[in-house]
C-alpha cells in the first residue's frame, strides 16, 4: 500500500468504528424511548384507576355507603400520596420529552 492508501485505509477504519458506536448508541436511545413510552402508558393506567377511585369516593360521599363502599382513611391517604408522586413523575417525564422535541426541532427551548 502507498502512503495515500494507508491514510485512506485508516480514515475508513475510523469511520467504520464511528458507525458501529453510533448504531449502538441509537439502539440504546431507542430502548430508552420505549421505556419512556411504557412509563407514559403506565401513568395513564394509574390515572384511570385513580379516577375510578375518585368517582367511587364521590358517589359514597353524595349517597352514602348504599351506593358505594366507604373509603377508609388509609386508602384516602395512599391515593393522595400516589397523586402527588404521579404529578412529580409526570412533570419530569414531560420535561425530558419536550427537551428531545426541542432538539429535533432545531434546538429551540421548550
PDB file of N, CA and C in Angstrom:
ATOM      1  N   UNK A   1       0.837  -1.181   0.000  1.00  0.00           N
ATOM      2  CA  UNK A   1       0.000   0.000   0.000  1.00  0.00           C
ATOM      3  C   UNK A   1       0.878   1.238   0.000  1.00  0.00           C
ATOM      4  N   UNK A   2       0.380   2.242  -0.682  1.00  0.00           N
ATOM      5  CA  UNK A   2       1.094   3.517  -0.682  1.00  0.00           C
ATOM      6  C   UNK A   2       0.723   4.290   0.568  1.00  0.00           C
ATOM      7  N   UNK A   3       1.439   5.346   0.805  1.00  0.00           N
ATOM      8  CA  UNK A   3       1.159   6.197   1.956  1.00  0.00           C
ATOM      9  C   UNK A   3      -0.261   6.756   1.884  1.00  0.00           C
ATOM     10  N   UNK A   4      -0.685   7.125   0.676  1.00  0.00           N
ATOM     11  CA  UNK A   4      -2.042   7.636   0.480  1.00  0.00           C
ATOM     12  C   UNK A   4      -3.081   6.559   0.796  1.00  0.00           C
ATOM     13  N   UNK A   5      -2.788   5.331   0.373  1.00  0.00           N
ATOM     14  CA  UNK A   5      -3.689   4.215   0.662  1.00  0.00           C
ATOM     15  C   UNK A   5      -3.755   3.942   2.170  1.00  0.00           C
ATOM     16  N   UNK A   6      -2.615   4.040   2.835  1.00  0.00           N
ATOM     17  CA  UNK A   6      -2.582   3.836   4.282  1.00  0.00           C
ATOM     18  C   UNK A   6      -3.447   4.870   4.992  1.00  0.00           C
ATOM     19  N   UNK A   7      -3.355   6.108   4.559  1.00  0.00           N
ATOM     20  CA  UNK A   7      -4.149   7.191   5.165  1.00  0.00           C
ATOM     21  C   UNK A   7      -5.634   6.946   4.916  1.00  0.00           C
ATOM     22  N   UNK A   8      -5.981   6.596   3.686  1.00  0.00           N
ATOM     23  CA  UNK A   8      -7.380   6.323   3.342  1.00  0.00           C
ATOM     24  C   UNK A   8      -7.906   5.136   4.139  1.00  0.00           C
ATOM     25  N   UNK A   9      -7.096   4.094   4.223  1.00  0.00           N
ATOM     26  CA  UNK A   9      -7.488   2.918   4.989  1.00  0.00           C
ATOM     27  C   UNK A   9      -7.734   3.285   6.457  1.00  0.00           C
ATOM     28  N   UNK A  10      -6.868   4.063   7.040  1.00  0.00           N
ATOM     29  CA  UNK A  10      -7.013   4.479   8.441  1.00  0.00           C
ATOM     30  C   UNK A  10      -8.281   5.318   8.628  1.00  0.00           C
ATOM     31  N   UNK A  11      -8.552   6.199   7.668  1.00  0.00           N
ATOM     32  CA  UNK A  11      -9.770   7.023   7.744  1.00  0.00           C
ATOM     33  C   UNK A  11     -11.022   6.157   7.665  1.00  0.00           C
ATOM     34  N   UNK A  12     -11.003   5.194   6.736  1.00  0.00           N
ATOM     35  CA  UNK A  12     -12.150   4.303   6.601  1.00  0.00           C
ATOM     36  C   UNK A  12     -12.374   3.482   7.872  1.00  0.00           C
ATOM     37  N   UNK A  13     -11.295   2.995   8.454  1.00  0.00           N
ATOM     38  CA  UNK A  13     -11.405   2.223   9.682  1.00  0.00           C
ATOM     39  C   UNK A  13     -12.001   3.076  10.800  1.00  0.00           C
ATOM     40  N   UNK A  14     -11.531   4.301  10.930  1.00  0.00           N
ATOM     41  CA  UNK A  14     -12.061   5.204  11.963  1.00  0.00           C
ATOM     42  C   UNK A  14     -13.540   5.479  11.727  1.00  0.00           C
ATOM     43  N   UNK A  15     -13.911   5.727  10.477  1.00  0.00           N
ATOM     44  CA  UNK A  15     -15.314   5.994  10.162  1.00  0.00           C
ATOM     45  C   UNK A  15     -16.195   4.779  10.465  1.00  0.00           C
ATOM     46  N   UNK A  16     -15.697   3.614  10.115  1.00  0.00           N
ATOM     47  CA  UNK A  16     -16.469   2.393  10.383  1.00  0.00           C
ATOM     48  C   UNK A  16     -16.654   2.194  11.883  1.00  0.00           C
ATOM     49  N   UNK A  17     -15.602   2.457  12.664  1.00  0.00           N
ATOM     50  CA  UNK A  17     -15.722   2.349  14.115  1.00  0.00           C
ATOM     51  C   UNK A  17     -16.729   3.370  14.648  1.00  0.00           C
ATOM     52  N   UNK A  18     -16.717   4.584  14.086  1.00  0.00           N
ATOM     53  CA  UNK A  18     -17.721   5.594  14.465  1.00  0.00           C
ATOM     54  C   UNK A  18     -19.125   5.070  14.194  1.00  0.00           C
ATOM     55  N   UNK A  19     -19.311   4.449  13.029  1.00  0.00           N
ATOM     56  CA  UNK A  19     -20.630   3.944  12.657  1.00  0.00           C
ATOM     57  C   UNK A  19     -21.106   2.865  13.628  1.00  0.00           C
ATOM     58  N   UNK A  20     -20.230   1.955  14.007  1.00  0.00           N
ATOM     59  CA  UNK A  20     -20.614   0.924  14.978  1.00  0.00           C
ATOM     60  C   UNK A  20     -21.033   1.567  16.300  1.00  0.00           C
ATOM     61  N   UNK A  21     -20.243   2.518  16.764  1.00  0.00           N
ATOM     62  CA  UNK A  21     -20.541   3.193  18.032  1.00  0.00           C
ATOM     63  C   UNK A  21     -21.871   3.957  17.940  1.00  0.00           C
ATOM     64  N   UNK A  22     -22.078   4.677  16.830  1.00  0.00           N
ATOM     65  CA  UNK A  22     -23.319   5.447  16.675  1.00  0.00           C
ATOM     66  C   UNK A  22     -24.533   4.530  16.637  1.00  0.00           C
ATOM     67  N   UNK A  23     -24.405   3.400  15.921  1.00  0.00           N
ATOM     68  CA  UNK A  23     -25.531   2.477  15.847  1.00  0.00           C
ATOM     69  C   UNK A  23     -25.849   1.896  17.222  1.00  0.00           C
ATOM     70  N   UNK A  24     -24.811   1.584  17.991  1.00  0.00           N
ATOM     71  CA  UNK A  24     -25.030   1.103  19.354  1.00  0.00           C
ATOM     72  C   UNK A  24     -25.763   2.168  20.159  1.00  0.00           C
ATOM     73  N   UNK A  25     -25.315   3.409  20.065  1.00  0.00           N
ATOM     74  CA  UNK A  25     -25.946   4.500  20.800  1.00  0.00           C
ATOM     75  C   UNK A  25     -27.389   4.719  20.341  1.00  0.00           C
ATOM     76  N   UNK A  26     -27.645   4.588  19.045  1.00  0.00           N
ATOM     77  CA  UNK A  26     -29.011   4.728  18.533  1.00  0.00           C
ATOM     78  C   UNK A  26     -29.921   3.651  19.117  1.00  0.00           C
ATOM     79  N   UNK A  27     -29.439   2.419  19.135  1.00  0.00           N
ATOM     80  CA  UNK A  27     -30.241   1.322  19.681  1.00  0.00           C
ATOM     81  C   UNK A  27     -30.519   1.528  21.168  1.00  0.00           C
ATOM     82  N   UNK A  28     -29.531   1.997  21.896  1.00  0.00           N
ATOM     83  CA  UNK A  28     -29.735   2.289  23.317  1.00  0.00           C
ATOM     84  C   UNK A  28     -30.746   3.418  23.500  1.00  0.00           C
ATOM     85  N   UNK A  29     -30.654   4.449  22.640  1.00  0.00           N
ATOM     86  CA  UNK A  29     -31.601   5.565  22.711  1.00  0.00           C
ATOM     87  C   UNK A  29     -33.018   5.100  22.394  1.00  0.00           C
ATOM     88  N   UNK A  30     -33.165   4.237  21.387  1.00  0.00           N
ATOM     89  CA  UNK A  30     -34.489   3.706  21.059  1.00  0.00           C
ATOM     90  C   UNK A  30     -35.058   2.890  22.220  1.00  0.00           C
ATOM     91  N   UNK A  31     -34.219   2.132  22.883  1.00  0.00           N
ATOM     92  CA  UNK A  31     -34.670   1.368  24.049  1.00  0.00           C
ATOM     93  C   UNK A  31     -35.145   2.314  25.151  1.00  0.00           C
ATOM     94  N   UNK A  32     -34.442   3.412  25.330  1.00  0.00           N
ATOM     95  CA  UNK A  32     -34.845   4.402  26.328  1.00  0.00           C
ATOM     96  C   UNK A  32     -36.179   5.034  25.942  1.00  0.00           C
ATOM     97  N   UNK A  33     -36.365   5.336  24.659  1.00  0.00           N
ATOM     98  CA  UNK A  33     -37.640   5.897  24.208  1.00  0.00           C
ATOM     99  C   UNK A  33     -38.783   4.912  24.443  1.00  0.00           C
ATOM    100  N   UNK A  34     -38.523   3.633  24.243  1.00  0.00           N
ATOM    101  CA  UNK A  34     -39.548   2.619  24.521  1.00  0.00           C
ATOM    102  C   UNK A  34     -39.892   2.595  26.010  1.00  0.00           C
ATOM    103  N   UNK A  35     -38.870   2.754  26.840  1.00  0.00           N
ATOM    104  CA  UNK A  35     -39.114   2.810  28.288  1.00  0.00           C
ATOM    105  C   UNK A  35     -39.949   4.038  28.637  1.00  0.00           C
ATOM    106  N   UNK A  36     -39.679   5.170  27.968  1.00  0.00           N
ATOM    107  CA  UNK A  36     -40.465   6.387  28.199  1.00  0.00           C
ATOM    108  C   UNK A  36     -41.913   6.162  27.768  1.00  0.00           C
ATOM    109  N   UNK A  37     -42.089   5.507  26.625  1.00  0.00           N
ATOM    110  CA  UNK A  37     -43.438   5.199  26.142  1.00  0.00           C
ATOM    111  C   UNK A  37     -44.170   4.305  27.151  1.00  0.00           C
ATOM    112  N   UNK A  38     -43.483   3.314  27.663  1.00  0.00           N
ATOM    113  CA  UNK A  38     -44.076   2.414  28.650  1.00  0.00           C
ATOM    114  C   UNK A  38     -44.428   3.172  29.932  1.00  0.00           C
ATOM    115  N   UNK A  39     -43.570   4.101  30.335  1.00  0.00           N
ATOM    116  CA  UNK A  39     -43.843   4.894  31.535  1.00  0.00           C
ATOM    117  C   UNK A  39     -45.095   5.749  31.337  1.00  0.00           C
ATOM    118  N   UNK A  40     -45.262   6.317  30.148  1.00  0.00           N
ATOM    119  CA  UNK A  40     -46.466   7.101  29.865  1.00  0.00           C
ATOM    120  C   UNK A  40     -47.716   6.224  29.909  1.00  0.00           C
ATOM    121  N   UNK A  41     -47.628   5.027  29.340  1.00  0.00           N
ATOM    122  CA  UNK A  41     -48.774   4.110  29.362  1.00  0.00           C
ATOM    123  C   UNK A  41     -49.120   3.694  30.786  1.00  0.00           C
ATOM    124  N   UNK A  42     -48.097   3.408  31.578  1.00  0.00           N
ATOM    125  CA  UNK A  42     -48.322   3.028  32.965  1.00  0.00           C
ATOM    126  C   UNK A  42     -48.960   4.181  33.737  1.00  0.00           C
ATOM    127  N   UNK A  43     -48.494   5.400  33.484  1.00  0.00           N
ATOM    128  CA  UNK A  43     -49.071   6.556  34.159  1.00  0.00           C
ATOM    129  C   UNK A  43     -50.535   6.727  33.747  1.00  0.00           C
ATOM    130  N   UNK A  44     -50.847   6.523  32.469  1.00  0.00           N
ATOM    131  CA  UNK A  44     -52.234   6.589  32.003  1.00  0.00           C
ATOM    132  C   UNK A  44     -53.100   5.560  32.736  1.00  0.00           C
ATOM    133  N   UNK A  45     -52.582   4.343  32.890  1.00  0.00           N
ATOM    134  CA  UNK A  45     -53.332   3.302  33.593  1.00  0.00           C
ATOM    135  C   UNK A  45     -53.578   3.699  35.042  1.00  0.00           C
ATOM    136  N   UNK A  46     -52.591   4.298  35.672  1.00  0.00           N
ATOM    137  CA  UNK A  46     -52.753   4.727  37.067  1.00  0.00           C
ATOM    138  C   UNK A  46     -53.747   5.879  37.175  1.00  0.00           C
ATOM    139  N   UNK A  47     -53.737   6.762  36.180  1.00  0.00           N
ATOM    140  CA  UNK A  47     -54.695   7.869  36.177  1.00  0.00           C
ATOM    141  C   UNK A  47     -56.120   7.328  36.087  1.00  0.00           C
ATOM    142  N   UNK A  48     -56.349   6.367  35.181  1.00  0.00           N
ATOM    143  CA  UNK A  48     -57.682   5.782  35.029  1.00  0.00           C
ATOM    144  C   UNK A  48     -58.119   5.122  36.341  1.00  0.00           C
ATOM    145  N   UNK A  49     -57.225   4.378  36.968  1.00  0.00           N
ATOM    146  CA  UNK A  49     -57.554   3.720  38.238  1.00  0.00           C
ATOM    147  C   UNK A  49     -57.858   4.754  39.314  1.00  0.00           C
ATOM    148  N   UNK A  50     -57.099   5.831  39.354  1.00  0.00           N
ATOM    149  CA  UNK A  50     -57.321   6.867  40.357  1.00  0.00           C
ATOM    150  C   UNK A  50     -58.650   7.572  40.103  1.00  0.00           C
ATOM    151  N   UNK A  51     -58.965   7.839  38.832  1.00  0.00           N
ATOM    152  CA  UNK A  51     -60.248   8.463  38.509  1.00  0.00           C
ATOM    153  C   UNK A  51     -61.413   7.576  38.950  1.00  0.00           C
ATOM    154  N   UNK A  52     -61.275   6.271  38.781  1.00  0.00           N
ATOM    155  CA  UNK A  52     -62.323   5.345  39.218  1.00  0.00           C
ATOM    156  C   UNK A  52     -62.491   5.406  40.733  1.00  0.00           C
ATOM    157  N   UNK A  53     -61.376   5.472  41.450  1.00  0.00           N
ATOM    158  CA  UNK A  53     -61.447   5.568  42.911  1.00  0.00           C
ATOM    159  C   UNK A  53     -62.063   6.896  43.353  1.00  0.00           C
ATOM    160  N   UNK A  54     -61.739   7.968  42.666  1.00  0.00           N
ATOM    161  CA  UNK A  54     -62.324   9.268  42.993  1.00  0.00           C
ATOM    162  C   UNK A  54     -63.834   9.229  42.762  1.00  0.00           C
ATOM    163  N   UNK A  55     -64.248   8.662  41.628  1.00  0.00           N
ATOM    164  CA  UNK A  55     -65.679   8.562  41.325  1.00  0.00           C
ATOM    165  C   UNK A  55     -66.403   7.737  42.390  1.00  0.00           C
ATOM    166  N   UNK A  56     -65.790   6.627  42.806  1.00  0.00           N
ATOM    167  CA  UNK A  56     -66.387   5.792  43.863  1.00  0.00           C
ATOM    168  C   UNK A  56     -66.503   6.576  45.162  1.00  0.00           C
ATOM    169  N   UNK A  57     -65.463   7.295  45.501  1.00  0.00           N
ATOM    170  CA  UNK A  57     -65.457   8.072  46.735  1.00  0.00           C
ATOM    171  C   UNK A  57     -66.514   9.176  46.670  1.00  0.00           C
ATOM    172  N   UNK A  58     -66.600   9.856  45.530  1.00  0.00           N
ATOM    173  CA  UNK A  58     -67.594  10.921  45.378  1.00  0.00           C
ATOM    174  C   UNK A  58     -69.012  10.357  45.484  1.00  0.00           C
ATOM    175  N   UNK A  59     -69.235   9.195  44.911  1.00  0.00           N
ATOM    176  CA  UNK A  59     -70.549   8.546  44.993  1.00  0.00           C
ATOM    177  C   UNK A  59     -70.878   8.209  46.440  1.00  0.00           C
ATOM    178  N   UNK A  60     -69.881   7.724  47.171  1.00  0.00           N
ATOM    179  CA  UNK A  60     -70.093   7.376  48.583  1.00  0.00           C
ATOM    180  C   UNK A  60     -70.383   8.633  49.396  1.00  0.00           C
ATOM    181  N   UNK A  61     -69.685   9.734  49.116  1.00  0.00           N
ATOM    182  CA  UNK A  61     -69.918  10.988  49.845  1.00  0.00           C
ATOM    183  C   UNK A  61     -71.321  11.506  49.552  1.00  0.00           C
ATOM    184  N   UNK A  62     -71.719  11.462  48.279  1.00  0.00           N
ATOM    185  CA  UNK A  62     -73.011  12.022  47.874  1.00  0.00           C
ATOM    186  C   UNK A  62     -74.192  11.165  48.316  1.00  0.00           C
ATOM    187  N   UNK A  63     -74.041   9.838  48.294  1.00  0.00           N
ATOM    188  CA  UNK A  63     -75.198   8.977  48.506  1.00  0.00           C
ATOM    189  C   UNK A  63     -75.031   7.950  49.618  1.00  0.00           C
ATOM    190  N   UNK A  64     -73.904   7.961  50.271  1.00  0.00           N
ATOM    191  CA  UNK A  64     -73.694   7.033  51.368  1.00  0.00           C
ATOM    192  C   UNK A  64     -73.211   5.674  50.889  1.00  0.00           C
ATOM    193  N   UNK A  65     -73.005   4.810  51.848  1.00  0.00           N
ATOM    194  CA  UNK A  65     -72.404   3.511  51.554  1.00  0.00           C
ATOM    195  C   UNK A  65     -73.357   2.550  50.861  1.00  0.00           C
ATOM    196  N   UNK A  66     -74.637   2.921  50.726  1.00  0.00           N
ATOM    197  CA  UNK A  66     -75.560   2.059  49.991  1.00  0.00           C
ATOM    198  C   UNK A  66     -75.199   2.034  48.504  1.00  0.00           C
ATOM    199  N   UNK A  67     -74.590   3.109  48.013  1.00  0.00           N
ATOM    200  CA  UNK A  67     -74.218   3.183  46.598  1.00  0.00           C
ATOM    201  C   UNK A  67     -72.787   2.736  46.338  1.00  0.00           C
ATOM    202  N   UNK A  68     -71.921   2.982  47.284  1.00  0.00           N
ATOM    203  CA  UNK A  68     -70.509   2.631  47.105  1.00  0.00           C
ATOM    204  C   UNK A  68     -69.887   2.373  48.465  1.00  0.00           C
ATOM    205  N   UNK A  69     -68.967   1.425  48.539  1.00  0.00           N
ATOM    206  CA  UNK A  69     -68.328   1.160  49.835  1.00  0.00           C
ATOM    207  C   UNK A  69     -67.559   2.384  50.332  1.00  0.00           C
ATOM    208  N   UNK A  70     -67.516   2.533  51.621  1.00  0.00           N
ATOM    209  CA  UNK A  70     -66.795   3.652  52.230  1.00  0.00           C
ATOM    210  C   UNK A  70     -65.301   3.513  51.976  1.00  0.00           C
ATOM    211  N   UNK A  71     -64.645   4.651  51.839  1.00  0.00           N
ATOM    212  CA  UNK A  71     -63.199   4.699  51.677  1.00  0.00           C
ATOM    213  C   UNK A  71     -62.599   4.924  53.053  1.00  0.00           C
ATOM    214  N   UNK A  72     -61.686   4.047  53.448  1.00  0.00           N
ATOM    215  CA  UNK A  72     -61.072   4.251  54.764  1.00  0.00           C
ATOM    216  C   UNK A  72     -59.993   5.328  54.683  1.00  0.00           C
ATOM    217  N   UNK A  73     -59.634   5.858  55.839  1.00  0.00           N
ATOM    218  CA  UNK A  73     -58.677   6.971  55.895  1.00  0.00           C
ATOM    219  C   UNK A  73     -57.323   6.576  55.301  1.00  0.00           C
ATOM    220  N   UNK A  74     -56.880   5.361  55.520  1.00  0.00           N
ATOM    221  CA  UNK A  74     -55.598   4.918  54.983  1.00  0.00           C
ATOM    222  C   UNK A  74     -55.590   4.873  53.468  1.00  0.00           C
ATOM    223  N   UNK A  75     -56.700   4.416  52.883  1.00  0.00           N
ATOM    224  CA  UNK A  75     -56.795   4.352  51.427  1.00  0.00           C
ATOM    225  C   UNK A  75     -56.802   5.761  50.836  1.00  0.00           C
ATOM    226  N   UNK A  76     -57.515   6.665  51.494  1.00  0.00           N
ATOM    227  CA  UNK A  76     -57.572   8.045  51.012  1.00  0.00           C
ATOM    228  C   UNK A  76     -56.185   8.692  51.072  1.00  0.00           C
ATOM    229  N   UNK A  77     -55.449   8.452  52.121  1.00  0.00           N
ATOM    230  CA  UNK A  77     -54.087   8.990  52.258  1.00  0.00           C
ATOM    231  C   UNK A  77     -53.157   8.403  51.192  1.00  0.00           C
ATOM    232  N   UNK A  78     -53.306   7.102  50.918  1.00  0.00           N
ATOM    233  CA  UNK A  78     -52.491   6.468  49.891  1.00  0.00           C
ATOM    234  C   UNK A  78     -52.768   7.081  48.522  1.00  0.00           C
ATOM    235  N   UNK A  79     -54.042   7.307  48.216  1.00  0.00           N
ATOM    236  CA  UNK A  79     -54.388   7.899  46.923  1.00  0.00           C
ATOM    237  C   UNK A  79     -53.816   9.318  46.804  1.00  0.00           C
ATOM    238  N   UNK A  80     -53.886  10.093  47.883  1.00  0.00           N
ATOM    239  CA  UNK A  80     -53.338  11.455  47.858  1.00  0.00           C
ATOM    240  C   UNK A  80     -51.827  11.418  47.654  1.00  0.00           C
ATOM    241  N   UNK A  81     -51.152  10.488  48.317  1.00  0.00           N
ATOM    242  CA  UNK A  81     -49.700  10.341  48.159  1.00  0.00           C
ATOM    243  C   UNK A  81     -49.359   9.936  46.728  1.00  0.00           C
ATOM    244  N   UNK A  82     -50.074   8.939  46.194  1.00  0.00           N
ATOM    245  CA  UNK A  82     -49.825   8.477  44.829  1.00  0.00           C
ATOM    246  C   UNK A  82     -50.067   9.585  43.820  1.00  0.00           C
ATOM    247  N   UNK A  83     -51.074  10.411  44.068  1.00  0.00           N
ATOM    248  CA  UNK A  83     -51.376  11.516  43.160  1.00  0.00           C
ATOM    249  C   UNK A  83     -50.217  12.523  43.150  1.00  0.00           C
ATOM    250  N   UNK A  84     -49.707  12.871  44.319  1.00  0.00           N
ATOM    251  CA  UNK A  84     -48.594  13.832  44.399  1.00  0.00           C
ATOM    252  C   UNK A  84     -47.345  13.268  43.721  1.00  0.00           C
ATOM    253  N   UNK A  85     -47.047  11.991  43.962  1.00  0.00           N
ATOM    254  CA  UNK A  85     -45.888  11.362  43.334  1.00  0.00           C
ATOM    255  C   UNK A  85     -46.084  11.293  41.823  1.00  0.00           C
ATOM    256  N   UNK A  86     -47.277  10.996  41.390  1.00  0.00           N
ATOM    257  CA  UNK A  86     -47.568  10.936  39.959  1.00  0.00           C
ATOM    258  C   UNK A  86     -47.377  12.282  39.288  1.00  0.00           C
ATOM    259  N   UNK A  87     -47.736  13.355  39.988  1.00  0.00           N
ATOM    260  CA  UNK A  87     -47.572  14.701  39.421  1.00  0.00           C
ATOM    261  C   UNK A  87     -46.092  15.024  39.221  1.00  0.00           C
ATOM    262  N   UNK A  88     -45.256  14.658  40.182  1.00  0.00           N
ATOM    263  CA  UNK A  88     -43.815  14.904  40.053  1.00  0.00           C
ATOM    264  C   UNK A  88     -43.242  14.099  38.887  1.00  0.00           C
ATOM    265  N   UNK A  89     -43.616  12.833  38.798  1.00  0.00           N
ATOM    266  CA  UNK A  89     -43.125  11.956  37.734  1.00  0.00           C
ATOM    267  C   UNK A  89     -43.597  12.471  36.373  1.00  0.00           C
ATOM    268  N   UNK A  90     -44.851  12.887  36.309  1.00  0.00           N
ATOM    269  CA  UNK A  90     -45.445  13.411  35.076  1.00  0.00           C
ATOM    270  C   UNK A  90     -44.660  14.623  34.580  1.00  0.00           C
ATOM    271  N   UNK A  91     -44.390  15.564  35.462  1.00  0.00           N
ATOM    272  CA  UNK A  91     -43.684  16.791  35.078  1.00  0.00           C
ATOM    273  C   UNK A  91     -42.265  16.486  34.597  1.00  0.00           C
ATOM    274  N   UNK A  92     -41.553  15.630  35.302  1.00  0.00           N
ATOM    275  CA  UNK A  92     -40.183  15.299  34.911  1.00  0.00           C
ATOM    276  C   UNK A  92     -40.113  14.594  33.571  1.00  0.00           C
ATOM    277  N   UNK A  93     -41.019  13.642  33.361  1.00  0.00           N
ATOM    278  CA  UNK A  93     -41.024  12.901  32.105  1.00  0.00           C
ATOM    279  C   UNK A  93     -41.371  13.820  30.936  1.00  0.00           C
ATOM    280  N   UNK A  94     -42.372  14.677  31.116  1.00  0.00           N
ATOM    281  CA  UNK A  94     -42.750  15.585  30.029  1.00  0.00           C
ATOM    282  C   UNK A  94     -41.658  16.608  29.743  1.00  0.00           C
ATOM    283  N   UNK A  95     -40.963  17.065  30.766  1.00  0.00           N
ATOM    284  CA  UNK A  95     -39.836  17.984  30.536  1.00  0.00           C
ATOM    285  C   UNK A  95     -38.762  17.316  29.682  1.00  0.00           C
ATOM    286  N   UNK A  96     -38.469  16.058  29.982  1.00  0.00           N
ATOM    287  CA  UNK A  96     -37.453  15.331  29.210  1.00  0.00           C
ATOM    288  C   UNK A  96     -37.909  15.147  27.762  1.00  0.00           C
ATOM    289  N   UNK A  97     -39.167  14.811  27.562  1.00  0.00           N
ATOM    290  CA  UNK A  97     -39.689  14.617  26.210  1.00  0.00           C
ATOM    291  C   UNK A  97     -39.691  15.943  25.446  1.00  0.00           C
ATOM    292  N   UNK A  98     -40.046  17.028  26.116  1.00  0.00           N
ATOM    293  CA  UNK A  98     -40.017  18.350  25.466  1.00  0.00           C
ATOM    294  C   UNK A  98     -38.597  18.730  25.065  1.00  0.00           C
ATOM    295  N   UNK A  99     -37.625  18.361  25.877  1.00  0.00           N
ATOM    296  CA  UNK A  99     -36.224  18.647  25.535  1.00  0.00           C
ATOM    297  C   UNK A  99     -35.799  17.880  24.290  1.00  0.00           C
ATOM    298  N   UNK A 100     -36.228  16.631  24.171  1.00  0.00           N
ATOM    299  CA  UNK A 100     -35.936  15.846  22.970  1.00  0.00           C
ATOM    300  C   UNK A 100     -36.624  16.493  21.768  1.00  0.00           C
ATOM    301  N   UNK A 101     -37.887  16.876  21.914  1.00  0.00           N
ATOM    302  CA  UNK A 101     -38.622  17.511  20.818  1.00  0.00           C
ATOM    303  C   UNK A 101     -37.938  18.805  20.383  1.00  0.00           C
ATOM    304  N   UNK A 102     -37.474  19.595  21.346  1.00  0.00           N
ATOM    305  CA  UNK A 102     -36.791  20.843  21.020  1.00  0.00           C
ATOM    306  C   UNK A 102     -35.508  20.572  20.241  1.00  0.00           C
ATOM    307  N   UNK A 103     -34.795  19.544  20.642  1.00  0.00           N
ATOM    308  CA  UNK A 103     -33.567  19.180  19.929  1.00  0.00           C
ATOM    309  C   UNK A 103     -33.888  18.772  18.493  1.00  0.00           C
ATOM    310  N   UNK A 104     -34.932  17.982  18.329  1.00  0.00           N
ATOM    311  CA  UNK A 104     -35.311  17.531  16.987  1.00  0.00           C
ATOM    312  C   UNK A 104     -35.824  18.680  16.125  1.00  0.00           C
ATOM    313  N   UNK A 105     -36.398  19.695  16.768  1.00  0.00           N
ATOM    314  CA  UNK A 105     -36.948  20.841  16.048  1.00  0.00           C
ATOM    315  C   UNK A 105     -35.908  21.937  15.814  1.00  0.00           C
ATOM    316  N   UNK A 106     -34.655  21.648  16.079  1.00  0.00           N
ATOM    317  CA  UNK A 106     -33.602  22.596  15.782  1.00  0.00           C
ATOM    318  C   UNK A 106     -33.031  23.332  16.978  1.00  0.00           C
ATOM    319  N   UNK A 107     -33.227  22.766  18.152  1.00  0.00           N
ATOM    320  CA  UNK A 107     -32.583  23.347  19.321  1.00  0.00           C
ATOM    321  C   UNK A 107     -33.376  24.432  20.023  1.00  0.00           C
ATOM    322  N   UNK A 108     -34.647  24.601  19.657  1.00  0.00           N
ATOM    323  CA  UNK A 108     -35.471  25.601  20.329  1.00  0.00           C
ATOM    324  C   UNK A 108     -35.726  25.148  21.763  1.00  0.00           C
ATOM    325  N   UNK A 109     -35.815  26.118  22.661  1.00  0.00           N
ATOM    326  CA  UNK A 109     -36.096  25.819  24.074  1.00  0.00           C
ATOM    327  C   UNK A 109     -37.544  25.411  24.211  1.00  0.00           C
ATOM    328  N   UNK A 110     -37.827  24.417  25.105  1.00  0.00           N
ATOM    329  CA  UNK A 110     -39.226  24.008  25.314  1.00  0.00           C
ATOM    330  C   UNK A 110     -40.017  25.082  26.018  1.00  0.00           C
TER     331      UNK A 110
END
